[in-house]
C-alpha atoms as a PDB file:
ATOM      1  CA  SER A   1     139.592-130.294 -54.497  1.00  0.00           C
ATOM      2  CA  VAL A   2     142.433-129.377 -53.054  1.00  0.00           C
ATOM      3  CA  ASN A   3     145.124-130.938 -51.935  1.00  0.00           C
ATOM      4  CA  GLU A   4     144.682-133.596 -49.776  1.00  0.00           C
ATOM      5  CA  CYS A   5     141.492-134.279 -51.078  1.00  0.00           C
ATOM      6  CA  VAL A   6     141.600-136.995 -53.828  1.00  0.00           C
ATOM      7  CA  CYS A   7     138.371-135.737 -54.983  1.00  0.00           C
ATOM      8  CA  HIS A   8     134.808-134.475 -55.161  1.00  0.00           C
ATOM      9  CA  GLY A   9     135.841-131.634 -52.844  1.00  0.00           C
ATOM     10  CA  ILE A  10     133.280-128.261 -52.383  1.00  0.00           C
ATOM     11  CA  PRO A  11     134.638-125.597 -52.191  1.00  0.00           C
ATOM     12  CA  ASP A  12     133.919-124.329 -48.746  1.00  0.00           C
ATOM     13  CA  SER A  13     135.401-120.624 -46.746  1.00  0.00           C
ATOM     14  CA  ARG A  14     139.350-121.473 -46.592  1.00  0.00           C
ATOM     15  CA  PRO A  15     140.960-119.074 -49.234  1.00  0.00           C
ATOM     16  CA  LEU A  16     143.289-120.687 -51.521  1.00  0.00           C
ATOM     17  CA  GLU A  17     147.342-120.884 -50.836  1.00  0.00           C
ATOM     18  CA  GLU A  18     150.438-120.485 -52.124  1.00  0.00           C
ATOM     19  CA  GLY A  19     151.725-124.179 -52.769  1.00  0.00           C
ATOM     20  CA  ASP A  20     148.376-125.761 -52.702  1.00  0.00           C
ATOM     21  CA  ILE A  21     147.460-127.500 -55.416  1.00  0.00           C
ATOM     22  CA  VAL A  22     144.115-128.033 -56.634  1.00  0.00           C
ATOM     23  CA  ASN A  23     141.474-130.433 -59.434  1.00  0.00           C
ATOM     24  CA  LEU A  24     138.594-129.056 -61.031  1.00  0.00           C
ATOM     25  CA  ASP A  25     136.855-131.441 -62.915  1.00  0.00           C
ATOM     26  CA  ILE A  26     133.934-129.902 -64.923  1.00  0.00           C
ATOM     27  CA  SER A  27     130.694-132.337 -66.031  1.00  0.00           C
ATOM     28  CA  LEU A  28     128.845-131.765 -69.260  1.00  0.00           C
ATOM     29  CA  TYR A  29     125.497-133.090 -69.911  1.00  0.00           C
ATOM     30  CA  HIS A  30     124.525-132.006 -73.448  1.00  0.00           C
ATOM     31  CA  ASP A  31     121.771-133.548 -76.002  1.00  0.00           C
ATOM     32  CA  GLY A  32     121.148-136.035 -73.229  1.00  0.00           C
ATOM     33  CA  PHE A  33     124.636-137.357 -72.611  1.00  0.00           C
ATOM     34  CA  HIS A  34     126.876-136.485 -69.387  1.00  0.00           C
ATOM     35  CA  SER A  35     130.382-136.313 -69.543  1.00  0.00           C
ATOM     36  CA  ASP A  36     132.780-135.370 -67.706  1.00  0.00           C
ATOM     37  CA  LEU A  37     136.943-134.546 -67.078  1.00  0.00           C
ATOM     38  CA  ASN A  38     139.353-132.697 -64.713  1.00  0.00           C
ATOM     39  CA  GLU A  39     142.598-131.681 -64.389  1.00  0.00           C
ATOM     40  CA  THR A  40     144.629-130.749 -61.741  1.00  0.00           C
ATOM     41  CA  VAL A  41     146.652-127.218 -61.366  1.00  0.00           C
ATOM     42  CA  PHE A  42     149.120-125.370 -59.212  1.00  0.00           C
ATOM     43  CA  VAL A  43     148.444-122.017 -57.107  1.00  0.00           C
ATOM     44  CA  GLY A  44     151.091-119.650 -57.225  1.00  0.00           C
ATOM     45  CA  ARG A  45     154.806-121.714 -56.588  1.00  0.00           C
ATOM     46  CA  PRO A  46     154.682-125.659 -56.251  1.00  0.00           C
ATOM     47  CA  ASP A  47     157.451-127.076 -53.999  1.00  0.00           C
ATOM     48  CA  PRO A  48     158.767-129.870 -55.942  1.00  0.00           C
ATOM     49  CA  GLU A  49     157.540-133.296 -54.579  1.00  0.00           C
ATOM     50  CA  SER A  50     154.065-131.424 -55.771  1.00  0.00           C
ATOM     51  CA  ILE A  51     155.564-131.301 -59.098  1.00  0.00           C
ATOM     52  CA  LYS A  52     156.392-134.541 -58.883  1.00  0.00           C
ATOM     53  CA  LEU A  53     153.366-135.508 -58.181  1.00  0.00           C
ATOM     54  CA  VAL A  54     151.385-133.273 -60.595  1.00  0.00           C
ATOM     55  CA  ILE A  55     153.216-135.299 -63.173  1.00  0.00           C
ATOM     56  CA  ALA A  56     152.835-139.122 -62.484  1.00  0.00           C
ATOM     57  CA  ALA A  57     149.503-137.897 -62.474  1.00  0.00           C
ATOM     58  CA  TYR A  58     149.831-136.601 -65.814  1.00  0.00           C
ATOM     59  CA  GLU A  59     151.395-139.516 -66.795  1.00  0.00           C
ATOM     60  CA  CYS A  60     149.691-142.559 -65.711  1.00  0.00           C
ATOM     61  CA  LEU A  61     146.175-140.650 -67.478  1.00  0.00           C
ATOM     62  CA  TRP A  62     148.124-140.288 -71.056  1.00  0.00           C
ATOM     63  CA  ALA A  63     150.491-143.964 -70.196  1.00  0.00           C
ATOM     64  CA  SER A  64     146.499-145.669 -70.669  1.00  0.00           C
ATOM     65  CA  VAL A  65     144.946-144.215 -73.116  1.00  0.00           C
ATOM     66  CA  GLU A  66     147.760-145.301 -74.699  1.00  0.00           C
ATOM     67  CA  ASP A  67     147.073-149.070 -74.558  1.00  0.00           C
ATOM     68  CA  VAL A  68     142.934-147.975 -75.792  1.00  0.00           C
ATOM     69  CA  ARG A  69     141.820-149.385 -78.464  1.00  0.00           C
ATOM     70  CA  PRO A  70     139.884-152.307 -80.199  1.00  0.00           C
ATOM     71  CA  GLY A  71     140.159-156.132 -78.665  1.00  0.00           C
ATOM     72  CA  MET A  72     141.698-154.338 -75.207  1.00  0.00           C
ATOM     73  CA  PHE A  73     140.862-155.774 -72.421  1.00  0.00           C
ATOM     74  CA  TYR A  74     139.780-152.970 -69.533  1.00  0.00           C
ATOM     75  CA  ARG A  75     140.685-154.550 -66.621  1.00  0.00           C
ATOM     76  CA  ASN A  76     144.846-154.281 -68.469  1.00  0.00           C
ATOM     77  CA  ILE A  77     145.001-150.532 -68.740  1.00  0.00           C
ATOM     78  CA  ALA A  78     144.934-150.723 -64.964  1.00  0.00           C
ATOM     79  CA  LYS A  79     149.311-152.481 -65.405  1.00  0.00           C
ATOM     80  CA  SER A  80     150.170-148.683 -67.279  1.00  0.00           C
ATOM     81  CA  ILE A  81     149.006-146.621 -64.326  1.00  0.00           C
ATOM     82  CA  GLU A  82     149.801-148.679 -61.803  1.00  0.00           C
ATOM     83  CA  ALA A  83     153.435-149.011 -63.641  1.00  0.00           C
ATOM     84  CA  ARG A  84     154.066-145.283 -63.823  1.00  0.00           C
ATOM     85  CA  ALA A  85     152.529-144.426 -60.196  1.00  0.00           C
ATOM     86  CA  ALA A  86     155.260-147.016 -58.883  1.00  0.00           C
ATOM     87  CA  GLU A  87     157.928-145.490 -61.125  1.00  0.00           C
ATOM     88  CA  ASP A  88     158.313-142.440 -57.918  1.00  0.00           C
ATOM     89  CA  GLY A  89     156.564-144.674 -54.876  1.00  0.00           C
ATOM     90  CA  PHE A  90     152.732-142.962 -55.282  1.00  0.00           C
ATOM     91  CA  SER A  91     149.657-145.161 -54.568  1.00  0.00           C
ATOM     92  CA  VAL A  92     146.894-145.201 -56.375  1.00  0.00           C
ATOM     93  CA  VAL A  93     142.987-145.036 -55.302  1.00  0.00           C
ATOM     94  CA  LYS A  94     141.723-148.375 -56.282  1.00  0.00           C
ATOM     95  CA  THR A  95     137.498-146.756 -55.069  1.00  0.00           C
ATOM     96  CA  TYR A  96     136.694-144.634 -57.849  1.00  0.00           C
ATOM     97  CA  CYS A  97     136.901-145.336 -61.435  1.00  0.00           C
ATOM     98  CA  GLY A  98     136.431-144.398 -64.760  1.00  0.00           C
ATOM     99  CA  HIS A  99     132.884-144.997 -65.954  1.00  0.00           C
ATOM    100  CA  GLY A 100     130.871-145.178 -69.672  1.00  0.00           C
ATOM    101  CA  VAL A 101     129.890-142.004 -70.955  1.00  0.00           C
ATOM    102  CA  HIS A 102     125.747-142.663 -72.464  1.00  0.00           C
ATOM    103  CA  LYS A 103     122.572-141.121 -71.254  1.00  0.00           C
ATOM    104  CA  GLN A 104     123.079-142.286 -67.268  1.00  0.00           C
ATOM    105  CA  PHE A 105     125.441-140.025 -65.056  1.00  0.00           C
ATOM    106  CA  HIS A 106     128.511-143.265 -65.037  1.00  0.00           C
ATOM    107  CA  THR A 107     127.035-146.080 -66.629  1.00  0.00           C
ATOM    108  CA  LEU A 108     128.906-149.156 -67.448  1.00  0.00           C
ATOM    109  CA  PRO A 109     132.120-149.815 -68.868  1.00  0.00           C
ATOM    110  CA  THR A 110     133.689-149.612 -65.326  1.00  0.00           C
ATOM    111  CA  VAL A 111     137.528-148.864 -65.618  1.00  0.00           C
ATOM    112  CA  PRO A 112     139.394-149.485 -62.961  1.00  0.00           C
ATOM    113  CA  HIS A 113     143.078-147.679 -62.378  1.00  0.00           C
ATOM    114  CA  TYR A 114     144.169-150.231 -60.440  1.00  0.00           C
ATOM    115  CA  ALA A 115     146.035-153.470 -61.492  1.00  0.00           C
ATOM    116  CA  GLY A 116     145.409-156.984 -60.880  1.00  0.00           C
ATOM    117  CA  ASN A 117     141.617-155.645 -61.040  1.00  0.00           C
ATOM    118  CA  ARG A 118     138.607-157.729 -62.348  1.00  0.00           C
ATOM    119  CA  ALA A 119     136.472-155.587 -64.482  1.00  0.00           C
ATOM    120  CA  ALA A 120     134.462-157.120 -67.207  1.00  0.00           C
ATOM    121  CA  GLY A 121     134.822-156.088 -71.187  1.00  0.00           C
ATOM    122  CA  VAL A 122     136.787-155.630 -74.170  1.00  0.00           C
ATOM    123  CA  MET A 123     136.976-152.254 -75.997  1.00  0.00           C
ATOM    124  CA  GLN A 124     135.594-151.967 -79.451  1.00  0.00           C
ATOM    125  CA  SER A 125     135.156-149.461 -81.949  1.00  0.00           C
ATOM    126  CA  GLY A 126     132.528-146.880 -80.814  1.00  0.00           C
ATOM    127  CA  HIS A 127     132.858-147.833 -77.012  1.00  0.00           C
ATOM    128  CA  CYS A 128     132.738-144.047 -75.396  1.00  0.00           C
ATOM    129  CA  PHE A 129     134.426-143.948 -71.480  1.00  0.00           C
ATOM    130  CA  THR A 130     136.373-141.878 -69.198  1.00  0.00           C
ATOM    131  CA  ILE A 131     139.786-142.629 -67.646  1.00  0.00           C
ATOM    132  CA  GLU A 132     140.380-140.839 -64.280  1.00  0.00           C
ATOM    133  CA  PRO A 133     143.403-142.133 -61.789  1.00  0.00           C
ATOM    134  CA  MET A 134     143.503-140.476 -58.688  1.00  0.00           C
ATOM    135  CA  ILE A 135     147.525-140.964 -57.594  1.00  0.00           C
ATOM    136  CA  ASN A 136     147.973-140.298 -53.429  1.00  0.00           C
ATOM    137  CA  GLN A 137     151.544-139.323 -52.152  1.00  0.00           C
ATOM    138  CA  GLY A 138     151.417-141.946 -49.541  1.00  0.00           C
ATOM    139  CA  GLU A 139     148.856-144.705 -48.661  1.00  0.00           C
ATOM    140  CA  ARG A 140     146.599-145.801 -51.275  1.00  0.00           C
ATOM    141  CA  GLY A 141     143.661-145.875 -49.621  1.00  0.00           C
ATOM    142  CA  ASP A 142     140.780-142.708 -49.038  1.00  0.00           C
ATOM    143  CA  VAL A 143     138.481-141.758 -46.337  1.00  0.00           C
ATOM    144  CA  LEU A 144     134.807-140.435 -46.695  1.00  0.00           C
ATOM    145  CA  TRP A 145     134.163-137.779 -45.145  1.00  0.00           C
ATOM    146  CA  PRO A 146     130.806-137.135 -43.108  1.00  0.00           C
ATOM    147  CA  ASP A 147     129.155-135.835 -45.888  1.00  0.00           C
ATOM    148  CA  ASN A 148     128.906-139.073 -47.761  1.00  0.00           C
ATOM    149  CA  TRP A 149     130.374-137.001 -50.787  1.00  0.00           C
ATOM    150  CA  THR A 150     134.207-135.561 -49.931  1.00  0.00           C
ATOM    151  CA  SER A 151     136.183-138.027 -50.303  1.00  0.00           C
ATOM    152  CA  THR A 152     140.428-137.285 -48.951  1.00  0.00           C
ATOM    153  CA  THR A 153     143.884-139.246 -48.516  1.00  0.00           C
ATOM    154  CA  PRO A 154     144.185-141.232 -45.344  1.00  0.00           C
ATOM    155  CA  ASP A 155     147.186-140.122 -44.133  1.00  0.00           C
ATOM    156  CA  GLY A 156     146.800-136.561 -44.896  1.00  0.00           C
ATOM    157  CA  ARG A 157     149.606-135.948 -47.716  1.00  0.00           C
ATOM    158  CA  ARG A 158     148.556-134.491 -51.289  1.00  0.00           C
ATOM    159  CA  SER A 159     146.545-136.599 -54.221  1.00  0.00           C
ATOM    160  CA  ALA A 160     146.880-135.861 -57.824  1.00  0.00           C
ATOM    161  CA  GLN A 161     143.722-136.376 -60.770  1.00  0.00           C
ATOM    162  CA  PHE A 162     143.675-136.276 -64.631  1.00  0.00           C
ATOM    163  CA  GLU A 163     140.221-136.853 -66.197  1.00  0.00           C
ATOM    164  CA  GLU A 164     139.716-137.511 -70.242  1.00  0.00           C
ATOM    165  CA  THR A 165     136.538-138.634 -72.059  1.00  0.00           C
ATOM    166  CA  MET A 166     137.085-140.707 -75.339  1.00  0.00           C
ATOM    167  CA  LEU A 167     135.713-142.807 -78.057  1.00  0.00           C
ATOM    168  CA  VAL A 168     137.749-145.938 -79.456  1.00  0.00           C
ATOM    169  CA  THR A 169     138.239-145.873 -82.549  1.00  0.00           C
ATOM    170  CA  ASP A 170     138.759-148.402 -85.225  1.00  0.00           C
ATOM    171  CA  ASP A 171     142.765-147.815 -85.028  1.00  0.00           C
ATOM    172  CA  GLY A 172     142.877-146.171 -81.806  1.00  0.00           C
ATOM    173  CA  VAL A 173     141.422-143.529 -79.857  1.00  0.00           C
ATOM    174  CA  ASP A 174     139.676-140.105 -80.067  1.00  0.00           C
ATOM    175  CA  ILE A 175     140.209-137.936 -77.373  1.00  0.00           C
ATOM    176  CA  LEU A 176     136.431-135.743 -77.285  1.00  0.00           C
ATOM    177  CA  THR A 177     137.321-133.866 -74.020  1.00  0.00           C
ATOM    178  CA  MET A 178     141.348-132.855 -76.150  1.00  0.00           C
ATOM    179  CA  ARG A 179     141.464-128.611 -75.802  1.00  0.00           C
ATOM    180  CA  PRO A 180     142.472-127.211 -79.020  1.00  0.00           C
ATOM    181  CA  ASN A 181     145.773-126.931 -77.831  1.00  0.00           C
ATOM    182  CA  PRO A 182     146.569-129.412 -75.210  1.00  0.00           C
ATOM    183  CA  LYS A 183     149.534-128.856 -73.406  1.00  0.00           C
ATOM    184  CA  PRO A 184     148.760-129.479 -69.836  1.00  0.00           C
ATOM    185  CA  HIS A 185     147.388-126.088 -67.639  1.00  0.00           C
ATOM    186  CA  PHE A 186     150.451-127.075 -64.792  1.00  0.00           C
ATOM    187  CA  ALA A 187     153.083-127.259 -67.623  1.00  0.00           C
ATOM    188  CA  ARG A 188     151.905-123.981 -68.967  1.00  0.00           C
ATOM    189  CA  GLN A 189     152.210-122.451 -65.119  1.00  0.00           C
ATOM    190  CA  LEU A 190     155.831-124.208 -64.853  1.00  0.00           C
ATOM    191  CA  ASP A 191     156.985-122.407 -68.082  1.00  0.00           C
ATOM    192  CA  ASP A 192     155.539-119.280 -66.815  1.00  0.00           C
ATOM    193  CA  LEU A 193     157.659-119.553 -63.044  1.00  0.00           C
ATOM    194  CA  GLY A 194     160.863-120.974 -65.574  1.00  0.00           C
ATOM    195  CA  ILE A 195     160.816-124.018 -63.997  1.00  0.00           C
ATOM    196  CA  ALA A 196     162.172-126.800 -65.497  1.00  0.00           C
ATOM    197  CA  TYR A 197     160.695-130.354 -65.742  1.00  0.00           C
ATOM    198  CA  GLU A 198     160.203-133.533 -68.437  1.00  0.00           C
ATOM    199  CA  LEU A 199     156.686-135.105 -69.349  1.00  0.00           C
ATOM    200  CA  LYS A 200     157.661-138.686 -70.776  1.00  0.00           C
ATOM    201  CA  VAL A 201     154.416-139.135 -72.555  1.00  0.00           C
ATOM    202  CA  GLY A 202     150.941-136.996 -73.520  1.00  0.00           C
ATOM    203  CA  PRO A 203     150.334-133.636 -75.181  1.00  0.00           C
ATOM    204  CA  GLY A 204     153.294-131.545 -73.779  1.00  0.00           C
ATOM    205  CA  SER A 205     155.900-134.154 -73.669  1.00  0.00           C
ATOM    206  CA  ALA A 206     158.533-135.169 -76.877  1.00  0.00           C
ATOM    207  CA  SER A 207     156.306-138.511 -77.056  1.00  0.00           C
ATOM    208  CA  PRO A 208     156.304-138.916 -81.534  1.00  0.00           C
ATOM    209  CA  ARG A 209     152.719-139.764 -80.569  1.00  0.00           C
ATOM    210  CA  TRP A 210     152.088-136.167 -79.591  1.00  0.00           C
ATOM    211  CA  ALA A 211     154.774-133.931 -80.955  1.00  0.00           C
ATOM    212  CA  ASP A 212     151.991-131.987 -83.260  1.00  0.00           C
ATOM    213  CA  ARG A 213     149.859-131.298 -79.941  1.00  0.00           C
ATOM    214  CA  SER A 214     152.605-130.173 -77.597  1.00  0.00           C
ATOM    215  CA  ALA A 215     153.445-127.008 -79.040  1.00  0.00           C
ATOM    216  CA  PRO A 216     153.557-123.559 -77.408  1.00  0.00           C
ATOM    217  CA  ALA A 217     150.229-122.375 -75.192  1.00  0.00           C
ATOM    218  CA  SER A 218     148.411-119.986 -77.136  1.00  0.00           C
ATOM    219  CA  ALA A 219     145.153-120.945 -76.126  1.00  0.00           C
END
């Protein structure tokens, strides 16, 4: 999904260009179970507004991950997402949600990313699901294309997204889709370009919770 494509982008004949942002969404089917994850990356040197958007989307995900634990209402993790997006004046897409991981693709629980939702359910140890907020630079909404699949922003401004699959444990959460060195690829790109940035939460940040998983890229 490139630039203004919120999700479900299908590669076409348009070449990627310097300054684009691209979301790569990957699904896995293994031993009868479906799972997925996604990440937004830069093409070449990004502009400051795109960097701001991608960092906000990343931190929206990880701010909500820090709320995952037994006894948490599924509907309440959206508060952290909305609060982080609002810090930079961005909006949270309401149409698409995180989902349960099981033998049926995109099953319960439903995990909305916007505040004020009415999702049912309380997290319990052993629950497995995704969180995958889509963050827009401009308007909150999205437009479904005639292919009944591709979704774009209504105002043509950019959108970014990150997703992980996780398992609720007795004392918190285990990120099942985390790489051995989970510093996000966009942060490695910024390192290589010599562009300064700050991550406040999640792997790659100075947060004590993720300090042992924020080493310089080696994988």
